[in-house]
Amino acid sequence: MKKLTIGLSVAALAIAGVAYAAPGQRGDADNNGTLTRAEAQAHANERFTKMDANKDGKLDAADREARQTAMFDRIDTNKDGQISRQEFAAGRDRGGFGAEQAGTEAGRGPDGKHRMGHRGGWGGPGGPRGGGMMQLADANKDGAISQAEFSAASLQHFDRADANKDGQVTKEERQATFKAMRDQAHQRTAPAPTN
C-alpha cells in the first residue's frame, strides 16, 4: 500500500491559521489586513469542506489517509509506487509536504524551507501530530472532528487573538498572539533546569 508516513494533521494547522490572517491570506476576504469574526467563521467552514476528503462531515483518520495518499501520488511523479530520493527532494522543494492543503505557510523558516519535525514547525509541541489543538477540537473525544467542533476551535483561537474584544484581529494582535504562542512552545520544549 502506498503510504508516506509523516504524521501530519492538517486540521490542527488550519484551526490555528484561521485566527492569524494576513492581508489576502487565510480568510481576510476584503484584504485589509484585519480579520473579522465573520471572516474567520467563513474561512473555517471553507477549510473544513476542503479537508473533509470523503465528504462524510467529519475529519478523521480516513481523511488523513486520503490526504497522505494524494500527497504520495503528487510526489511519486513516475507513478512506480515508490518515492525516490530525487522525487522526495523535488517534492520538498515544491512544498509538496502538506502546507498547501492547510492553506498556510506554517512550518516554514525565514528562508522559506520546510521545518518538519523542528520545534515550532510541523512536529512542534501541541502541533500537527495529533496532540494539542487536535485534542482540544475533538470536544466529544470520539476521535473525529465535526464541522461544529472545527468551527468552535477556530473561533476560540480567533477570540484569544482578539485582545481588545472588538470582533477583529489586527496585525498587531496577530503578531502578539503568535509571539505568545512561540514563547509558550519554547518554554514547553526547553530542557528542565538541573539542580
Protein backbone atom coordinates (compact mmCIF):
# COMPACT_ATOMS: atom_id res chain seq x y z
CA MET A 1 0.00 0.00 0.00
CA LYS A 2 1.34 3.41 -0.96
CA LYS A 3 1.88 5.47 2.13
CA LEU A 4 4.04 8.36 3.21
CA THR A 5 4.13 8.44 6.97
CA ILE A 6 4.86 11.97 8.09
CA GLY A 7 2.40 12.22 10.95
CA LEU A 8 0.68 15.38 9.71
CA SER A 9 -2.58 16.68 10.96
CA VAL A 10 -3.62 19.38 8.58
CA ALA A 11 -6.69 20.13 10.66
CA ALA A 12 -4.55 21.44 13.50
CA LEU A 13 -2.76 23.83 11.17
CA ALA A 14 -5.98 25.03 9.63
CA ILE A 15 -7.60 25.64 13.01
CA ALA A 16 -4.68 27.75 14.16
CA GLY A 17 -4.37 29.50 10.82
CA VAL A 18 -7.94 30.82 10.83
CA ALA A 19 -7.18 33.33 13.58
CA TYR A 20 -3.96 34.64 12.11
CA ALA A 21 -4.86 36.05 8.71
CA ALA A 22 -2.53 38.37 6.91
CA PRO A 23 -3.67 40.56 4.00
CA GLY A 24 -5.03 38.38 1.22
CA GLN A 25 -4.43 35.17 3.14
CA ARG A 26 -6.33 32.70 5.27
CA GLY A 27 -9.73 34.28 5.45
CA ASP A 28 -9.07 38.01 5.11
CA ALA A 29 -11.78 38.30 2.46
CA ASP A 30 -11.53 42.06 1.98
CA ASN A 31 -7.71 42.02 2.03
CA ASN A 32 -7.47 44.82 4.59
CA GLY A 33 -5.09 43.07 7.00
CA THR A 34 -7.76 42.76 9.69
CA LEU A 35 -9.70 39.56 10.20
CA THR A 36 -13.26 39.86 11.44
CA ARG A 37 -15.03 37.11 13.36
CA ALA A 38 -17.40 36.63 10.40
CA GLU A 39 -14.41 36.19 8.06
CA ALA A 40 -12.87 33.70 10.48
CA GLN A 41 -16.15 31.73 10.60
CA ALA A 42 -16.48 31.68 6.80
CA HIS A 43 -12.86 30.64 6.41
CA ALA A 44 -13.22 27.85 8.98
CA ASN A 45 -16.21 26.49 7.05
CA GLU A 46 -14.29 26.68 3.77
CA ARG A 47 -11.22 24.93 5.22
CA PHE A 48 -13.33 22.17 6.76
CA THR A 49 -15.06 21.50 3.45
CA LYS A 50 -11.72 21.25 1.64
CA MET A 51 -10.19 18.99 4.28
CA ASP A 52 -13.16 16.62 4.51
CA ALA A 53 -11.78 14.45 1.69
CA ASN A 54 -14.51 11.80 1.83
CA LYS A 55 -17.30 14.34 2.46
CA ASP A 56 -18.67 12.49 5.48
CA GLY A 57 -18.97 15.61 7.66
CA LYS A 58 -16.02 14.85 9.93
CA LEU A 59 -12.23 14.97 9.90
CA ASP A 60 -10.70 11.67 10.93
CA ALA A 61 -8.13 9.04 10.01
CA ALA A 62 -9.88 8.32 6.69
CA ASP A 63 -9.43 11.94 5.60
CA ARG A 64 -5.81 11.94 6.77
CA GLU A 65 -5.17 8.74 4.80
CA ALA A 66 -6.76 10.29 1.70
CA ARG A 67 -4.56 13.40 2.03
CA GLN A 68 -1.44 11.28 2.56
CA THR A 69 -2.28 9.15 -0.48
CA ALA A 70 -2.83 12.27 -2.59
CA MET A 71 0.46 13.70 -1.29
CA PHE A 72 2.28 10.45 -2.08
CA ASP A 73 0.78 10.41 -5.58
CA ARG A 74 1.81 14.04 -6.15
CA ILE A 75 5.41 13.33 -5.09
CA ASP A 76 5.65 9.96 -6.90
CA THR A 77 5.99 11.65 -10.30
CA ASN A 78 6.93 8.49 -12.24
CA LYS A 79 3.99 6.59 -10.66
CA ASP A 80 6.01 3.50 -9.74
CA GLY A 81 4.59 3.28 -6.21
CA GLN A 82 7.86 4.37 -4.61
CA ILE A 83 9.39 7.72 -3.79
CA SER A 84 13.00 8.04 -4.86
CA ARG A 85 15.43 10.47 -3.25
CA GLN A 86 15.07 12.72 -6.30
CA GLU A 87 11.27 12.71 -6.09
CA PHE A 88 11.43 13.36 -2.35
CA ALA A 89 13.81 16.32 -2.82
CA ALA A 90 11.71 17.72 -5.67
CA GLY A 91 8.53 17.37 -3.59
CA ARG A 92 10.16 19.15 -0.67
CA ASP A 93 11.39 21.94 -2.93
CA ARG A 94 7.90 22.35 -4.43
CA GLY A 95 6.37 22.49 -0.94
CA GLY A 96 4.57 19.22 -1.61
CA PHE A 97 4.52 18.08 2.00
CA GLY A 98 1.18 19.44 3.09
CA ALA A 99 1.40 23.22 3.53
CA GLU A 100 -0.82 23.81 0.51
CA GLN A 101 -3.53 21.57 1.93
CA ALA A 102 -3.58 23.58 5.08
CA GLY A 103 -3.66 26.85 3.18
CA THR A 104 -0.78 28.12 5.26
CA GLU A 105 2.93 28.59 5.26
CA ALA A 106 3.18 27.14 8.74
CA GLY A 107 6.26 25.04 9.23
CA ARG A 108 8.50 27.21 7.06
CA GLY A 109 11.50 29.08 8.33
CA PRO A 110 12.61 32.59 7.33
CA ASP A 111 14.41 31.09 4.33
CA GLY A 112 11.14 29.54 3.08
CA LYS A 113 12.30 25.98 3.68
CA HIS A 114 10.11 23.48 5.49
CA ARG A 115 10.93 22.74 9.10
CA MET A 116 9.08 19.45 9.55
CA GLY A 117 9.98 17.92 12.88
CA HIS A 118 11.66 21.04 14.22
CA ARG A 119 10.35 22.98 17.19
CA GLY A 120 7.60 25.33 16.17
CA GLY A 121 7.24 23.60 12.79
CA TRP A 122 5.08 20.70 11.75
CA GLY A 123 6.15 18.49 14.62
CA GLY A 124 6.30 21.11 17.33
CA PRO A 125 4.57 20.88 20.71
CA GLY A 126 0.81 20.81 20.55
CA GLY A 127 1.30 20.73 16.82
CA PRO A 128 0.02 18.73 13.95
CA ARG A 129 0.91 15.26 15.14
CA GLY A 130 -2.45 14.84 16.78
CA GLY A 131 -1.89 16.48 20.16
CA GLY A 132 -2.72 19.93 21.42
CA MET A 133 -5.16 21.61 19.07
CA MET A 134 -6.49 18.35 17.67
CA GLN A 135 -7.40 17.04 21.11
CA LEU A 136 -8.96 20.35 22.06
CA ALA A 137 -11.01 20.49 18.85
CA ASP A 138 -12.37 16.98 19.41
CA ALA A 139 -14.75 18.14 22.14
CA ASN A 140 -16.66 14.85 22.44
CA LYS A 141 -13.43 12.76 22.27
CA ASP A 142 -14.73 10.44 19.54
CA GLY A 143 -11.51 10.59 17.50
CA ALA A 144 -13.06 12.75 14.78
CA ILE A 145 -13.63 16.47 14.38
CA SER A 146 -17.08 17.54 13.21
CA GLN A 147 -17.65 20.80 11.36
CA ALA A 148 -19.16 22.29 14.52
CA GLU A 149 -16.10 21.26 16.59
CA PHE A 150 -13.72 22.60 13.92
CA SER A 151 -15.58 25.91 13.75
CA ALA A 152 -15.72 26.23 17.56
CA ALA A 153 -11.98 25.58 17.89
CA SER A 154 -11.20 28.07 15.10
CA LEU A 155 -13.32 30.76 16.73
CA GLN A 156 -11.75 30.01 20.11
CA HIS A 157 -8.35 30.79 18.58
CA PHE A 158 -9.81 33.93 17.00
CA ASP A 159 -11.22 35.07 20.34
CA ARG A 160 -7.87 34.51 22.05
CA ALA A 161 -6.13 36.63 19.42
CA ASP A 162 -8.77 39.40 19.66
CA ALA A 163 -7.13 41.09 22.66
CA ASN A 164 -9.46 44.10 22.85
CA LYS A 165 -12.60 42.01 22.11
CA ASP A 166 -13.80 44.23 19.25
CA GLY A 167 -14.54 41.32 16.91
CA GLN A 168 -11.44 41.91 14.80
CA VAL A 169 -7.87 40.62 14.82
CA THR A 170 -5.44 43.29 13.69
CA LYS A 171 -1.87 42.84 12.52
CA GLU A 172 -0.61 43.87 15.98
CA GLU A 173 -2.91 41.42 17.78
CA ARG A 174 -1.90 38.68 15.35
CA GLN A 175 1.80 39.34 15.97
CA ALA A 176 1.35 39.48 19.75
CA THR A 177 -0.58 36.20 19.74
CA PHE A 178 1.99 34.50 17.52
CA LYS A 179 4.82 35.69 19.80
CA ALA A 180 2.99 34.45 22.91
CA MET A 181 2.37 31.04 21.31
CA ARG A 182 6.00 30.79 20.21
CA ASP A 183 7.22 31.71 23.70
CA GLN A 184 4.94 29.10 25.28
CA ALA A 185 6.18 26.45 22.85
CA HIS A 186 9.79 27.29 23.68
CA GLN A 187 9.04 27.06 27.41
CA ARG A 188 7.43 23.63 26.98
CA THR A 189 10.35 22.29 24.98
CA ALA A 190 13.17 23.87 26.99
CA PRO A 191 15.32 21.41 28.92
CA ALA A 192 14.43 21.15 32.59
CA PRO A 193 16.83 23.04 34.86
CA THR A 194 19.30 20.87 36.69
CA ASN A 195 19.78 21.31 40.42
